[in-house]
Amino acid sequence: MMKNYLPVLASLLFTFAYAAQADMPVNGQITNTASASFKDATSASHTVHSNTVDATPYRVAGVAMAAGVSKNVAAGERVMFPLSVTNTGDSLDTFKISEVNSGTFSMDTVAFYACADLQGISNNAKPIISTVDVAPGATFCFVAYATAPHTAIVGNTNTMVITATSTRTGVVKGTSTNNSTIGPDLLSQLSANASLP
């Protein structure tokens, strides 16, 4: 009885077709269908199809920030830090900009301003309130202006951690750590130099 099926099994030729979009739509839908084509013992062709399977690819968030720097600042004066946020995800994202600073002194004020490049020159007088929109693969440049308190003394230090958090996930974030050290103000330096023999 088994011999009657052997010619049929031997003549089965399977080919599978997998239908999918080359460019996956973000948060869209991909439809996949498998098919099998074969010939029976009489050489008649047949094609059977599987059930259709729908898959939804989800967005992937990613962010990177430029490394921080260390600077000197006089008490009561303002220090500037150049910053940037790069969207390494696969689609437009909104990033929340925040900062925390601590040390032997805390900054009196901190404000962020957009800039055209990393030269630290603000090209917008309006400060960034809290969020910035960045396209995938693009970089948004901005600067942080921080004012040291008048009560700070020479040698005091401050560390400011600036964070960009993806609002899509709330957990994907990048950070930039910037350090400040209180140094003598310009007038003190000039007076000291003038008193030298």
Protein backbone atom coordinates (compact mmCIF):
# COMPACT_ATOMS: atom_id res chain seq x y z
CA MET A 1 0.00 0.00 0.00
CA MET A 2 2.87 2.34 0.84
CA LYS A 3 4.40 1.83 -2.64
CA ASN A 4 1.41 3.57 -4.27
CA TYR A 5 2.34 6.82 -2.47
CA LEU A 6 6.03 6.79 -3.20
CA PRO A 7 5.79 8.16 -6.78
CA VAL A 8 3.55 10.94 -5.51
CA LEU A 9 5.91 11.87 -2.69
CA ALA A 10 8.93 11.70 -4.96
CA SER A 11 7.38 14.09 -7.44
CA LEU A 12 6.51 16.80 -4.91
CA LEU A 13 8.44 19.99 -5.66
CA PHE A 14 7.90 22.69 -3.04
CA THR A 15 8.61 26.34 -3.51
CA PHE A 16 7.79 28.90 -0.87
CA ALA A 17 6.92 32.52 -1.50
CA TYR A 18 7.32 35.05 1.33
CA ALA A 19 5.56 38.36 0.76
CA ALA A 20 6.80 41.31 2.81
CA GLN A 21 7.46 44.98 2.32
CA ALA A 22 11.08 45.95 1.69
CA ASP A 23 10.75 49.12 3.72
CA MET A 24 8.99 48.42 6.98
CA PRO A 25 6.49 51.16 7.84
CA VAL A 26 6.95 52.49 11.34
CA ASN A 27 3.90 51.58 13.41
CA GLY A 28 2.32 50.38 10.18
CA GLN A 29 1.35 46.82 9.24
CA ILE A 30 3.26 44.15 7.31
CA THR A 31 1.30 41.30 5.75
CA ASN A 32 3.09 37.96 5.24
CA THR A 33 1.78 34.94 3.31
CA ALA A 34 3.55 31.64 2.56
CA SER A 35 2.64 29.46 -0.43
CA ALA A 36 3.68 25.98 -1.59
CA SER A 37 3.59 24.83 -5.21
CA PHE A 38 3.90 21.15 -6.19
CA LYS A 39 3.08 18.55 -8.80
CA ASP A 40 1.22 15.38 -8.01
CA ALA A 41 1.77 11.91 -9.50
CA THR A 42 -0.12 12.89 -12.65
CA SER A 43 2.10 15.99 -13.12
CA ALA A 44 -0.81 18.26 -12.30
CA SER A 45 0.32 21.50 -10.63
CA HIS A 46 -1.12 22.63 -7.33
CA THR A 47 -0.56 25.68 -5.14
CA VAL A 48 -1.64 26.02 -1.54
CA HIS A 49 -1.45 29.16 0.61
CA SER A 50 -0.97 29.57 4.31
CA ASN A 51 -2.98 31.82 6.54
CA THR A 52 -2.11 35.51 6.32
CA VAL A 53 -0.03 36.80 9.21
CA ASP A 54 -0.02 40.52 10.05
CA ALA A 55 2.90 42.05 11.95
CA THR A 56 3.26 45.58 13.32
CA PRO A 57 6.83 46.93 13.67
CA TYR A 58 7.20 49.43 16.50
CA ARG A 59 9.34 52.53 16.63
CA VAL A 60 12.79 52.33 18.15
CA ALA A 61 13.97 55.33 20.18
CA GLY A 62 17.62 56.33 20.51
CA VAL A 63 19.57 59.40 21.60
CA ALA A 64 23.19 60.49 21.97
CA MET A 65 24.62 63.67 23.49
CA ALA A 66 27.98 65.36 22.98
CA ALA A 67 30.51 64.86 25.77
CA GLY A 68 30.66 67.56 28.42
CA VAL A 69 33.49 70.01 29.13
CA SER A 70 35.15 71.63 32.15
CA LYS A 71 35.43 75.39 32.54
CA ASN A 72 36.44 78.08 35.02
CA VAL A 73 33.99 80.80 36.03
CA ALA A 74 34.18 83.74 38.41
CA ALA A 75 31.69 84.09 41.25
CA GLY A 76 28.60 85.94 40.06
CA GLU A 77 29.49 85.40 36.41
CA ARG A 78 27.94 83.24 33.70
CA VAL A 79 29.49 80.16 32.10
CA MET A 80 28.42 78.61 28.79
CA PHE A 81 28.43 74.93 27.79
CA PRO A 82 27.95 73.82 24.13
CA LEU A 83 25.57 70.85 23.81
CA SER A 84 23.94 68.67 21.18
CA VAL A 85 21.28 65.98 20.96
CA THR A 86 21.38 63.39 18.14
CA ASN A 87 18.33 61.29 17.38
CA THR A 88 19.68 57.77 16.78
CA GLY A 89 16.17 56.28 16.59
CA ASP A 90 14.17 55.44 13.48
CA SER A 91 11.66 58.31 13.46
CA LEU A 92 10.93 61.84 14.66
CA ASP A 93 11.18 62.13 18.43
CA THR A 94 10.62 64.81 21.05
CA PHE A 95 13.28 65.04 23.75
CA LYS A 96 12.80 66.58 27.16
CA ILE A 97 15.80 68.66 28.24
CA SER A 98 16.57 68.79 31.94
CA GLU A 99 19.51 69.44 34.25
CA VAL A 100 20.70 68.67 37.74
CA ASN A 101 23.73 70.43 39.23
CA SER A 102 25.48 69.94 42.54
CA GLY A 103 28.84 70.35 44.26
CA THR A 104 30.41 72.80 46.69
CA PHE A 105 28.16 75.39 45.08
CA SER A 106 24.94 75.30 43.05
CA MET A 107 24.24 77.47 40.03
CA ASP A 108 21.87 80.37 40.62
CA THR A 109 20.24 80.05 37.19
CA VAL A 110 20.45 77.69 34.22
CA ALA A 111 18.88 78.36 30.80
CA PHE A 112 19.10 76.62 27.42
CA TYR A 113 19.23 78.36 24.03
CA ALA A 114 19.31 76.97 20.50
CA CYS A 115 22.43 77.53 18.40
CA ALA A 116 23.28 76.89 14.77
CA ASP A 117 26.44 74.93 15.52
CA LEU A 118 28.68 73.79 18.36
CA GLN A 119 30.51 77.11 18.56
CA GLY A 120 28.45 78.07 21.59
CA ILE A 121 26.78 81.08 20.02
CA SER A 122 23.06 81.26 20.61
CA ASN A 123 21.04 82.30 17.55
CA ASN A 124 17.74 82.51 19.39
CA ALA A 125 16.99 84.91 22.23
CA LYS A 126 14.08 82.78 23.39
CA PRO A 127 15.14 80.04 25.81
CA ILE A 128 14.17 76.42 25.28
CA ILE A 129 11.37 75.75 27.74
CA SER A 130 11.55 71.98 28.06
CA THR A 131 11.47 69.96 24.80
CA VAL A 132 12.99 69.85 21.31
CA ASP A 133 11.91 67.91 18.21
CA VAL A 134 14.67 66.06 16.34
CA ALA A 135 14.32 64.11 13.08
CA PRO A 136 15.92 60.64 12.82
CA GLY A 137 19.66 60.93 12.19
CA ALA A 138 19.60 64.69 12.82
CA THR A 139 21.42 66.67 15.51
CA PHE A 140 20.00 69.58 17.48
CA CYS A 141 22.61 71.98 18.89
CA PHE A 142 22.05 74.23 21.87
CA VAL A 143 23.93 75.90 24.71
CA ALA A 144 23.46 76.02 28.46
CA TYR A 145 24.11 79.30 30.26
CA ALA A 146 24.63 78.91 34.01
CA THR A 147 25.25 81.70 36.53
CA ALA A 148 27.53 81.04 39.48
CA PRO A 149 26.46 82.56 42.83
CA HIS A 150 28.27 85.62 44.22
CA THR A 151 28.89 83.68 47.42
CA ALA A 152 31.04 81.03 45.71
CA ILE A 153 34.73 81.14 46.58
CA VAL A 154 37.78 80.34 44.50
CA GLY A 155 38.27 76.59 44.21
CA ASN A 156 34.59 75.67 44.64
CA THR A 157 33.34 73.19 42.03
CA ASN A 158 30.03 72.31 40.43
CA THR A 159 28.95 69.37 38.29
CA MET A 160 26.00 69.81 35.96
CA VAL A 161 24.40 66.77 34.32
CA ILE A 162 22.19 67.68 31.36
CA THR A 163 19.80 64.99 30.17
CA ALA A 164 17.79 64.52 26.97
CA THR A 165 14.96 62.01 27.47
CA SER A 166 12.84 60.53 24.69
CA THR A 167 9.21 61.38 25.42
CA ARG A 168 8.21 58.34 23.36
CA THR A 169 9.54 55.94 25.96
CA GLY A 170 10.45 58.01 29.00
CA VAL A 171 13.42 55.70 29.65
CA VAL A 172 15.71 56.20 26.63
CA LYS A 173 18.02 59.08 27.47
CA GLY A 174 21.41 60.63 26.85
CA THR A 175 23.51 62.71 29.25
CA SER A 176 26.27 65.29 29.14
CA THR A 177 28.32 66.03 32.27
CA ASN A 178 29.84 69.52 32.54
CA ASN A 179 32.07 70.83 35.32
CA SER A 180 32.70 74.34 36.62
CA THR A 181 35.43 75.60 38.96
CA ILE A 182 35.35 79.01 40.60
CA GLY A 183 38.42 81.06 39.63
CA PRO A 184 39.45 84.68 40.35
CA ASP A 185 37.50 87.34 38.49
CA LEU A 186 39.14 89.50 35.85
CA LEU A 187 39.52 92.55 38.10
CA SER A 188 41.25 90.46 40.78
CA GLN A 189 43.62 89.05 38.17
CA LEU A 190 44.43 92.54 36.85
CA SER A 191 45.02 93.86 40.37
CA ALA A 192 47.27 90.95 41.21
CA ASN A 193 49.26 91.40 38.03
CA ALA A 194 49.59 95.18 38.66
CA SER A 195 51.01 94.55 42.13
CA LEU A 196 53.79 92.34 40.84
CA PRO A 197 57.30 93.90 41.02
